[in-house]
Amino acid sequence: MVTVCDEETNKLPIQVATENEHSLFIVYRLLKRDMPIHLKERVQVRLIPHFYSWNHILLNVDDRYYQVVSKILQQCTQPQVLALAHVEDVSGHIALKSATPICRHEIRVMLRLFNTLELVKQRPAFTNGASDTEIFYALRYEPPPEQSDLFSADYEKKDNGDDDRADDWDDSLSLTSDSSARAKSNKEMNLSVADKLKLIRNEKGRHVIAKITPRSDIVERELKIRKDYNLSRHYVPSVISVHHTIHHGAYQNASAEPAYCITMEGADSTVEHQMLDYRRAGKAYPSNELKRIGISLLHLHENGLVHTDFGPHSVGKFGPLFKMLGVSGCVEIGAPTDPKRGIYHPPEAVIVGNVIVDGQERKTATVISVVADHSVDIWAFGHMVFESVVGAPLSAYSHRGKRVKSSNLAKIARWDDHSLEKALRQVEDKDVLARNVLRKLLHPDPKQRFKSIREVIADPFFNTDSGDRKIKKN
């Protein structure tokens, strides 16, 4: 009788129930008997004939039964939620678009990855085909009161101070931490419509990075390198949580492979973007900021690691802090580097040799593996300083991380004193401090460079006011 209209009023029982403000329980039981999908079909979801009870609750009752919608959605897989979000009413409007504010918000919440992550864009910001890993920018919200059983939380960050260490060289910097998100109270299920709307308006997501991968070794590496090398969250983004699921969101693909999702702190911006802003204003990037970046790199070095992919793209600004990105690819000091990792390879990591192409012998430059040492990152840090002062990269790195031309690699392989002096012509003549520090950072002989980042940041260049430094106009 649930789908039989009353002869006099031509209304369904659920319409009569909501008009007379019957209990949540009654409306819930009526709705369950007129759903547009089979709730037992968890993955391959299909619409079935129905009498629009679902649309009635979403559109016509002014959110008075939003708890019923929430309870239904929390029983669903994300493919089911996605299907329910796109159920059309009699006018052809989908539920997610035309639902009343709280009901629409409840759908959005349940479409979040692992009930907490709302992707900023559906397309990944970065894809690594070799490891089948995708990185998304996302907003992280507190989870709903009841948790889905479709995934497990393999790791949740605890604020126990284990990675809260600040090193002695950085004790003057104001260091603050965000407390971890707390689960919502079940009392929220019983909020009035007005209170619920106020809560929704005040809801703010935290910027995070969502790294999705099917490989458990990638997850283990992210956690293990932080623990084994005592990396502090003041210099390296902290891992907030790790989830494992057989659906991993399933926005487009309902039969997705088992996957892990690593949620990490998201940067406000990268140094690469900040340098671009300064460049547009005709200013050099501040040397005191470069010093603070050096301090974060020093943290890696003094804990036994070499970044090997250091550059403006691999440093993030997190509030007042600079943190090293991509630390899972760091190499232990003394271990061989990966030729495929990194952009700003030092001269000792590039060689020019002969290859046979179409039966003809040609010279080509290739990157080789070298022993991981401080000098690898010091060279890359030198390039960052050069770019910040000059406002442009060295010509050999003009590719900006895209496919490197052999001719550009050859410039690096043939880097010598003459190359260095030629590059320094782009620095203002009066900027003696910049010229001096660059000579030691970008020296062709790694033994003639600074011995450590600690020695680098002690240079006068990083300890003087650089507020009036301008980019040289060529």
Protein backbone atom coordinates (compact mmCIF):
# COMPACT_ATOMS: atom_id res chain seq x y z
CA MET A 1 0.00 0.00 0.00
CA VAL A 2 3.03 2.32 0.28
CA THR A 3 2.84 3.25 -3.40
CA VAL A 4 -0.96 3.45 -3.63
CA CYS A 5 -2.35 6.98 -3.79
CA ASP A 6 -5.34 8.01 -1.70
CA GLU A 7 -8.45 8.22 -3.90
CA GLU A 8 -9.65 11.55 -2.51
CA THR A 9 -6.37 13.46 -2.22
CA ASN A 10 -4.32 11.57 -4.83
CA LYS A 11 -1.39 11.56 -2.39
CA LEU A 12 1.04 8.82 -1.47
CA PRO A 13 1.22 7.68 2.18
CA ILE A 14 4.65 9.30 2.53
CA GLN A 15 3.19 12.65 1.42
CA VAL A 16 0.41 12.35 3.98
CA ALA A 17 2.92 11.36 6.66
CA THR A 18 5.19 14.37 6.05
CA GLU A 19 2.25 16.81 5.85
CA ASN A 20 1.05 15.57 9.23
CA GLU A 21 4.59 15.60 10.64
CA HIS A 22 4.70 11.94 11.53
CA SER A 23 7.84 10.56 13.15
CA LEU A 24 11.19 10.08 11.47
CA PHE A 25 10.77 6.32 11.93
CA ILE A 26 7.50 6.18 9.99
CA VAL A 27 8.81 8.31 7.12
CA TYR A 28 12.00 6.25 7.01
CA ARG A 29 10.06 2.97 6.76
CA LEU A 30 7.83 4.36 4.02
CA LEU A 31 10.79 5.67 2.04
CA LYS A 32 12.66 2.36 2.26
CA ARG A 33 9.76 0.70 0.41
CA ASP A 34 9.87 3.12 -2.51
CA MET A 35 13.53 3.62 -3.29
CA PRO A 36 14.72 4.31 -6.87
CA ILE A 37 17.51 1.71 -6.53
CA HIS A 38 17.96 -1.74 -5.00
CA LEU A 39 19.98 -1.10 -1.83
CA LYS A 40 21.32 -4.67 -1.92
CA GLU A 41 23.03 -4.06 -5.26
CA ARG A 42 26.17 -2.51 -3.82
CA VAL A 43 28.40 -2.02 -6.87
CA GLN A 44 26.52 -2.35 -10.17
CA VAL A 45 23.72 0.12 -9.43
CA ARG A 46 20.68 0.55 -11.67
CA LEU A 47 17.55 2.63 -11.36
CA ILE A 48 14.24 0.82 -10.88
CA PRO A 49 10.63 2.03 -11.29
CA HIS A 50 9.52 4.14 -8.32
CA PHE A 51 6.95 6.73 -7.28
CA TYR A 52 9.32 9.62 -6.43
CA SER A 53 9.24 9.22 -2.64
CA TRP A 54 12.98 9.93 -2.63
CA ASN A 55 12.50 13.15 -4.58
CA HIS A 56 9.61 14.15 -2.31
CA ILE A 57 11.79 13.96 0.81
CA LEU A 58 14.62 15.85 -0.91
CA LEU A 59 12.48 18.62 -2.43
CA ASN A 60 9.17 19.17 -0.72
CA VAL A 61 9.54 19.01 3.05
CA ASP A 62 11.92 21.92 3.75
CA ASP A 63 14.64 19.68 5.21
CA ARG A 64 12.43 18.58 8.13
CA TYR A 65 13.38 14.96 7.45
CA TYR A 66 17.06 15.44 6.60
CA GLN A 67 17.93 12.81 9.24
CA VAL A 68 16.06 10.22 7.16
CA VAL A 69 18.10 11.16 4.08
CA SER A 70 21.31 10.94 6.11
CA LYS A 71 20.40 7.50 7.48
CA ILE A 72 19.62 6.16 4.01
CA LEU A 73 22.85 7.52 2.52
CA GLN A 74 25.02 6.11 5.30
CA GLN A 75 23.86 2.61 4.34
CA CYS A 76 25.00 3.12 0.75
CA THR A 77 28.19 2.56 -1.15
CA GLN A 78 29.48 5.55 -3.09
CA PRO A 79 28.20 4.13 -6.40
CA GLN A 80 24.77 3.98 -4.76
CA VAL A 81 25.09 7.52 -3.38
CA LEU A 82 26.14 8.72 -6.82
CA ALA A 83 23.08 7.05 -8.35
CA LEU A 84 20.75 8.57 -5.74
CA ALA A 85 22.30 12.01 -6.32
CA HIS A 86 21.34 11.77 -10.00
CA VAL A 87 17.77 10.48 -9.65
CA GLU A 88 15.51 12.76 -11.66
CA ASP A 89 12.21 14.16 -10.43
CA VAL A 90 9.06 14.43 -12.57
CA SER A 91 10.48 17.60 -14.15
CA GLY A 92 13.79 15.95 -15.07
CA HIS A 93 15.91 17.75 -12.44
CA ILE A 94 18.52 15.66 -10.66
CA ALA A 95 18.39 15.35 -6.87
CA LEU A 96 21.81 16.87 -6.15
CA LYS A 97 20.95 20.05 -8.06
CA SER A 98 17.39 20.68 -6.86
CA ALA A 99 17.39 19.29 -3.30
CA THR A 100 16.81 21.57 -0.32
CA PRO A 101 20.04 22.88 1.31
CA ILE A 102 20.54 20.36 4.12
CA CYS A 103 19.58 17.34 2.01
CA ARG A 104 21.92 18.50 -0.75
CA HIS A 105 24.69 18.87 1.84
CA GLU A 106 24.05 15.33 3.16
CA ILE A 107 24.53 13.97 -0.37
CA ARG A 108 27.74 15.97 -0.80
CA VAL A 109 29.06 14.63 2.51
CA MET A 110 28.48 11.03 1.48
CA LEU A 111 30.08 11.63 -1.93
CA ARG A 112 33.28 12.62 -0.14
CA LEU A 113 36.13 10.18 -0.48
CA PHE A 114 36.22 8.08 2.71
CA ASN A 115 33.48 10.36 4.10
CA THR A 116 36.04 13.12 4.68
CA LEU A 117 37.70 14.24 1.41
CA GLU A 118 36.01 16.48 -1.11
CA LEU A 119 38.10 16.60 -4.27
CA VAL A 120 38.76 20.11 -5.56
CA LYS A 121 38.93 18.70 -9.09
CA GLN A 122 37.91 15.29 -10.38
CA ARG A 123 41.10 15.06 -12.45
CA PRO A 124 44.33 14.28 -10.59
CA ALA A 125 46.90 17.07 -10.21
CA PHE A 126 49.67 14.54 -10.81
CA THR A 127 49.81 10.98 -12.17
CA ASN A 128 52.68 8.54 -11.95
CA GLY A 129 52.04 5.86 -14.54
CA ALA A 130 54.92 3.67 -13.34
CA SER A 131 53.40 3.20 -9.88
CA ASP A 132 49.76 3.82 -10.87
CA THR A 133 49.63 6.59 -8.27
CA GLU A 134 47.39 9.65 -8.50
CA ILE A 135 47.56 12.84 -6.42
CA PHE A 136 44.48 15.00 -5.88
CA TYR A 137 43.99 18.34 -4.21
CA ALA A 138 41.17 18.04 -1.70
CA LEU A 139 39.39 19.60 1.25
CA ARG A 140 39.23 17.46 4.37
CA TYR A 141 36.17 17.69 6.57
CA GLU A 142 35.24 16.00 9.79
CA PRO A 143 33.54 12.64 9.15
CA PRO A 144 29.78 12.12 9.67
CA PRO A 145 28.61 10.69 13.02
CA GLU A 146 28.31 7.14 11.67
CA GLN A 147 31.14 5.58 9.73
CA SER A 148 30.94 3.44 6.62
CA ASP A 149 32.22 -0.12 6.82
CA LEU A 150 33.42 -0.05 3.21
CA PHE A 151 36.92 1.04 4.13
CA SER A 152 39.33 0.77 7.01
CA ALA A 153 41.47 3.48 8.58
CA ASP A 154 44.92 1.91 8.62
CA TYR A 155 46.49 5.00 10.19
CA GLU A 156 45.23 8.13 11.92
CA LYS A 157 47.61 10.86 13.09
CA LYS A 158 47.65 11.33 16.85
CA ASP A 159 48.73 14.65 18.37
CA ASN A 160 51.10 13.01 20.85
CA GLY A 161 54.08 15.25 20.13
CA ASP A 162 56.26 12.49 18.61
CA ASP A 163 56.92 14.50 15.46
CA ASP A 164 56.51 17.92 17.06
CA ARG A 165 60.23 18.59 17.31
CA ALA A 166 61.77 21.88 16.26
CA ASP A 167 65.53 21.95 15.79
CA ASP A 168 67.81 24.33 17.68
CA TRP A 169 68.59 26.46 14.62
CA ASP A 170 64.89 27.28 14.18
CA ASP A 171 63.90 28.08 17.74
CA SER A 172 63.08 31.71 16.96
CA LEU A 173 60.33 30.77 14.49
CA SER A 174 56.77 30.74 15.69
CA LEU A 175 55.64 27.15 15.34
CA THR A 176 51.99 26.28 15.60
CA SER A 177 50.09 23.06 15.06
CA ASP A 178 46.56 22.27 13.99
CA SER A 179 44.80 19.95 16.35
CA SER A 180 43.56 16.81 14.66
CA ALA A 181 39.95 16.74 13.52
CA ARG A 182 37.48 15.34 16.03
CA ALA A 183 34.57 13.13 15.08
CA LYS A 184 31.18 14.77 15.03
CA SER A 185 28.90 14.13 17.95
CA ASN A 186 25.80 12.04 17.39
CA LYS A 187 23.85 14.99 18.77
CA GLU A 188 24.18 16.60 15.34
CA MET A 189 21.69 14.09 14.05
CA ASN A 190 19.03 15.81 16.20
CA LEU A 191 19.82 19.46 15.43
CA SER A 192 17.00 21.72 14.36
CA VAL A 193 16.87 22.76 10.71
CA ALA A 194 18.05 26.28 11.60
CA ASP A 195 20.98 24.99 13.69
CA LYS A 196 21.93 22.50 11.00
CA LEU A 197 21.96 25.24 8.33
CA LYS A 198 24.15 27.40 10.55
CA LEU A 199 26.55 24.48 11.03
CA ILE A 200 26.76 23.93 7.26
CA ARG A 201 27.48 27.61 6.61
CA ASN A 202 30.31 27.54 9.13
CA GLU A 203 31.82 24.29 7.86
CA LYS A 204 35.35 24.79 6.59
CA GLY A 205 37.50 22.20 4.92
CA ARG A 206 41.23 21.84 5.47
CA HIS A 207 43.44 21.85 2.39
CA VAL A 208 45.09 18.45 1.99
CA ILE A 209 46.76 16.22 -0.59
CA ALA A 210 45.10 12.88 -1.32
CA LYS A 211 47.55 10.33 -2.71
CA ILE A 212 45.77 7.26 -4.11
CA THR A 213 47.75 4.15 -4.94
CA PRO A 214 47.17 0.40 -5.17
CA ARG A 215 50.67 -0.31 -3.81
CA SER A 216 51.13 -0.92 -0.11
CA ASP A 217 54.90 -0.34 -0.36
CA ILE A 218 54.30 3.31 -1.33
CA VAL A 219 52.13 3.76 1.76
CA GLU A 220 54.72 2.07 3.97
CA ARG A 221 57.47 4.29 2.54
CA GLU A 222 55.56 7.49 3.39
CA LEU A 223 55.17 6.41 7.01
CA LYS A 224 58.47 4.60 7.45
CA ILE A 225 60.76 7.38 6.21
CA ARG A 226 59.18 9.84 8.66
CA LYS A 227 59.57 7.45 11.55
CA ASP A 228 62.98 5.93 10.78
CA TYR A 229 64.67 9.29 10.12
CA ASN A 230 62.90 11.24 12.89
CA LEU A 231 61.45 13.78 10.48
CA SER A 232 59.63 16.63 12.20
CA ARG A 233 56.26 17.89 10.99
CA HIS A 234 57.68 21.42 11.16
CA TYR A 235 59.85 20.65 8.12
CA VAL A 236 57.95 17.81 6.40
CA PRO A 237 54.18 17.58 5.78
CA SER A 238 52.58 15.18 8.24
CA VAL A 239 50.53 12.18 7.16
CA ILE A 240 47.04 12.72 8.55
CA SER A 241 45.53 9.33 7.75
CA VAL A 242 45.72 6.24 5.56
CA HIS A 243 42.59 4.48 4.36
CA HIS A 244 42.19 1.21 2.52
CA THR A 245 39.13 0.35 0.48
CA ILE A 246 37.93 -1.87 -2.32
CA HIS A 247 36.00 1.04 -3.89
CA HIS A 248 38.27 4.07 -3.27
CA GLY A 249 35.50 6.51 -4.12
CA ALA A 250 34.43 4.90 -7.38
CA TYR A 251 33.28 8.18 -8.88
CA GLN A 252 33.55 6.91 -12.44
CA ASN A 253 34.53 3.30 -11.97
CA ALA A 254 32.34 1.29 -9.63
CA SER A 255 34.59 -1.77 -9.83
CA ALA A 256 37.83 0.01 -8.97
CA GLU A 257 40.81 -2.00 -7.80
CA PRO A 258 41.68 -2.13 -4.08
CA ALA A 259 43.50 1.05 -3.19
CA TYR A 260 45.08 3.06 -0.42
CA CYS A 261 44.51 6.75 0.15
CA ILE A 262 47.21 8.69 1.99
CA THR A 263 45.98 12.04 3.27
CA MET A 264 48.71 14.59 3.93
CA GLU A 265 48.86 18.26 4.81
CA GLY A 266 48.28 20.50 1.81
CA ALA A 267 50.48 23.53 1.17
CA ASP A 268 49.03 27.01 0.79
CA SER A 269 51.33 27.41 -2.21
CA THR A 270 54.68 26.24 -3.53
CA VAL A 271 57.83 28.37 -3.64
CA GLU A 272 57.62 28.08 -7.43
CA HIS A 273 54.36 30.04 -7.42
CA GLN A 274 55.65 32.53 -4.86
CA MET A 275 58.76 33.23 -6.92
CA LEU A 276 56.58 33.86 -9.95
CA ASP A 277 54.58 36.46 -8.00
CA TYR A 278 57.77 38.25 -6.93
CA ARG A 279 59.09 38.12 -10.48
CA ARG A 280 55.95 39.80 -11.82
CA ALA A 281 56.51 42.58 -9.31
CA GLY A 282 60.14 42.97 -10.47
CA LYS A 283 61.49 41.87 -7.10
CA ALA A 284 63.93 39.17 -6.06
CA TYR A 285 62.73 36.47 -3.72
CA PRO A 286 63.71 37.49 -0.13
CA SER A 287 66.99 35.99 1.07
CA ASN A 288 65.61 35.52 4.59
CA GLU A 289 62.89 33.29 3.12
CA LEU A 290 65.57 31.35 1.22
CA LYS A 291 67.34 30.85 4.52
CA ARG A 292 64.24 29.35 6.09
CA ILE A 293 63.90 27.02 3.09
CA GLY A 294 67.53 26.04 3.64
CA ILE A 295 66.76 25.25 7.28
CA SER A 296 64.08 22.76 6.20
CA LEU A 297 66.51 21.14 3.75
CA LEU A 298 69.12 21.05 6.51
CA HIS A 299 66.68 19.06 8.63
CA LEU A 300 66.71 16.29 6.01
CA HIS A 301 70.51 16.33 5.68
CA GLU A 302 71.19 16.21 9.39
CA ASN A 303 68.83 13.27 9.71
CA GLY A 304 70.71 11.29 7.05
CA LEU A 305 68.75 12.01 3.86
CA VAL A 306 69.35 13.72 0.52
CA HIS A 307 66.25 15.02 -1.25
CA THR A 308 67.56 14.52 -4.85
CA ASP A 309 64.54 16.37 -6.33
CA PHE A 310 64.98 19.70 -4.58
CA GLY A 311 63.70 22.82 -6.30
CA PRO A 312 61.02 25.52 -6.09
CA HIS A 313 58.42 22.89 -6.99
CA SER A 314 59.34 20.68 -4.02
CA VAL A 315 59.03 23.26 -1.23
CA GLY A 316 55.61 24.19 0.12
CA LYS A 317 54.50 27.12 2.27
CA PHE A 318 52.31 25.95 5.14
CA GLY A 319 51.22 29.06 7.00
CA PRO A 320 54.47 30.50 8.41
CA LEU A 321 56.44 27.30 7.71
CA PHE A 322 58.36 25.96 4.72
CA LYS A 323 58.23 22.17 4.33
CA MET A 324 59.89 19.71 1.99
CA LEU A 325 57.52 17.94 -0.41
CA GLY A 326 58.09 14.52 -1.95
CA VAL A 327 60.14 13.17 0.95
CA SER A 328 59.15 9.56 0.22
CA GLY A 329 61.65 9.67 -2.67
CA CYS A 330 64.55 10.90 -0.54
CA VAL A 331 67.74 8.83 -0.61
CA GLU A 332 69.92 7.91 2.33
CA ILE A 333 73.33 9.61 2.31
CA GLY A 334 75.79 7.27 0.60
CA ALA A 335 73.15 5.38 -1.40
CA PRO A 336 72.89 5.65 -5.22
CA THR A 337 70.55 8.29 -6.65
CA ASP A 338 67.77 7.53 -9.12
CA PRO A 339 68.59 9.13 -12.53
CA LYS A 340 64.84 9.37 -13.28
CA ARG A 341 64.14 11.48 -10.20
CA GLY A 342 64.73 15.20 -10.11
CA ILE A 343 65.08 18.19 -12.42
CA TYR A 344 68.12 20.16 -11.28
CA HIS A 345 70.80 17.50 -11.73
CA PRO A 346 74.35 18.64 -10.89
CA PRO A 347 77.13 18.46 -13.55
CA GLU A 348 78.65 15.31 -12.01
CA ALA A 349 75.34 13.47 -12.61
CA VAL A 350 75.29 14.14 -16.38
CA ILE A 351 77.61 12.65 -19.00
CA VAL A 352 77.93 13.05 -22.75
CA GLY A 353 78.41 9.89 -24.78
CA ASN A 354 77.98 8.45 -28.25
CA VAL A 355 74.90 6.56 -29.40
CA ILE A 356 73.94 5.02 -32.74
CA VAL A 357 70.76 6.51 -34.26
CA ASP A 358 69.63 5.30 -37.70
CA GLY A 359 73.07 3.88 -38.32
CA GLN A 360 74.80 7.16 -37.48
CA GLU A 361 76.85 7.96 -34.42
CA ARG A 362 75.58 10.91 -32.41
CA LYS A 363 76.51 12.53 -29.15
CA THR A 364 73.88 12.62 -26.47
CA ALA A 365 73.76 13.62 -22.81
CA THR A 366 72.23 11.36 -20.17
CA VAL A 367 71.70 11.47 -16.42
CA ILE A 368 73.55 8.83 -14.42
CA SER A 369 73.31 7.58 -10.86
CA VAL A 370 75.76 9.11 -8.37
CA VAL A 371 76.38 8.63 -4.67
CA ALA A 372 73.84 10.67 -2.71
CA ASP A 373 75.66 13.51 -1.01
CA HIS A 374 74.85 16.96 0.36
CA SER A 375 76.43 18.48 -2.76
CA VAL A 376 73.55 17.15 -4.93
CA ASP A 377 70.99 19.24 -3.02
CA ILE A 378 73.41 22.15 -2.55
CA TRP A 379 73.69 22.48 -6.33
CA ALA A 380 69.87 22.48 -6.65
CA PHE A 381 69.61 25.02 -3.81
CA GLY A 382 72.13 27.15 -5.70
CA HIS A 383 69.87 27.13 -8.72
CA MET A 384 66.95 28.29 -6.54
CA VAL A 385 69.08 31.19 -5.26
CA PHE A 386 70.13 32.04 -8.83
CA GLU A 387 66.54 32.05 -10.07
CA SER A 388 65.37 34.13 -7.12
CA VAL A 389 68.03 36.79 -7.80
CA VAL A 390 67.94 36.82 -11.58
CA GLY A 391 64.24 36.15 -12.11
CA ALA A 392 64.85 33.32 -14.58
CA PRO A 393 66.33 29.82 -14.46
CA LEU A 394 69.71 28.89 -15.84
CA SER A 395 69.32 28.31 -19.56
CA ALA A 396 70.10 24.63 -19.08
CA TYR A 397 66.95 24.29 -16.96
CA SER A 398 64.62 26.32 -19.15
CA HIS A 399 62.58 23.16 -19.79
CA ARG A 400 60.97 23.64 -16.36
CA GLY A 401 60.64 19.98 -15.55
CA LYS A 402 59.22 18.98 -18.93
CA ARG A 403 61.00 16.55 -21.20
CA VAL A 404 64.64 17.57 -21.11
CA LYS A 405 66.39 18.15 -24.39
CA SER A 406 69.74 16.47 -24.78
CA SER A 407 71.25 19.86 -25.68
CA ASN A 408 70.18 21.25 -22.30
CA LEU A 409 71.62 18.27 -20.46
CA ALA A 410 74.83 18.75 -22.40
CA LYS A 411 75.09 22.32 -21.07
CA ILE A 412 75.00 20.90 -17.54
CA ALA A 413 77.53 18.17 -18.35
CA ARG A 414 79.94 20.78 -19.75
CA TRP A 415 79.42 23.23 -16.90
CA ASP A 416 82.75 24.83 -15.95
CA ASP A 417 84.18 28.05 -14.48
CA HIS A 418 83.51 29.90 -17.72
CA SER A 419 79.85 28.77 -17.71
CA LEU A 420 79.50 29.96 -14.13
CA GLU A 421 80.98 33.40 -14.80
CA LYS A 422 78.81 33.79 -17.89
CA ALA A 423 75.71 33.02 -15.82
CA LEU A 424 76.75 35.49 -13.12
CA ARG A 425 76.63 38.32 -15.67
CA GLN A 426 72.86 38.22 -15.20
CA VAL A 427 73.27 39.25 -11.55
CA GLU A 428 73.37 42.97 -10.71
CA ASP A 429 76.99 44.20 -10.63
CA LYS A 430 76.55 45.79 -7.21
CA ASP A 431 75.09 42.61 -5.68
CA VAL A 432 78.43 41.27 -4.51
CA LEU A 433 76.90 39.01 -1.83
CA ALA A 434 74.75 37.21 -4.38
CA ARG A 435 77.67 36.69 -6.75
CA ASN A 436 79.89 35.33 -3.99
CA VAL A 437 77.36 32.85 -2.66
CA LEU A 438 76.44 31.62 -6.14
CA ARG A 439 80.09 30.96 -6.98
CA LYS A 440 80.25 28.44 -4.14
CA LEU A 441 76.77 26.98 -4.63
CA LEU A 442 77.10 26.42 -8.39
CA HIS A 443 80.78 25.51 -8.54
CA PRO A 444 81.40 22.82 -11.21
CA ASP A 445 83.51 20.80 -8.76
CA PRO A 446 81.31 19.37 -5.98
CA LYS A 447 84.30 19.41 -3.60
CA GLN A 448 84.59 23.18 -4.06
CA ARG A 449 80.97 23.87 -3.16
CA PHE A 450 79.77 24.55 0.37
CA LYS A 451 80.30 21.51 2.55
CA SER A 452 76.84 21.64 4.11
CA ILE A 453 73.60 23.59 4.08
CA ARG A 454 74.44 24.79 7.58
CA GLU A 455 77.51 26.46 6.07
CA VAL A 456 75.34 27.85 3.25
CA ILE A 457 72.80 29.59 5.46
CA ALA A 458 75.61 31.11 7.56
CA ASP A 459 76.75 33.07 4.48
CA PRO A 460 76.26 36.88 4.72
CA PHE A 461 73.88 36.75 1.74
CA PHE A 462 71.22 35.06 3.88
CA ASN A 463 71.77 37.28 6.91
CA THR A 464 71.29 40.76 5.44
CA ASP A 465 68.20 42.74 4.55
CA SER A 466 67.21 41.97 0.96
CA GLY A 467 64.03 44.06 0.85
CA ASP A 468 65.38 46.41 -1.84
CA ARG A 469 66.91 43.75 -4.10
CA LYS A 470 65.53 44.02 -7.63
CA ILE A 471 65.70 41.69 -10.59
CA LYS A 472 68.23 42.86 -13.16
CA LYS A 473 66.61 44.12 -16.34
CA ASN A 474 68.46 42.79 -19.36
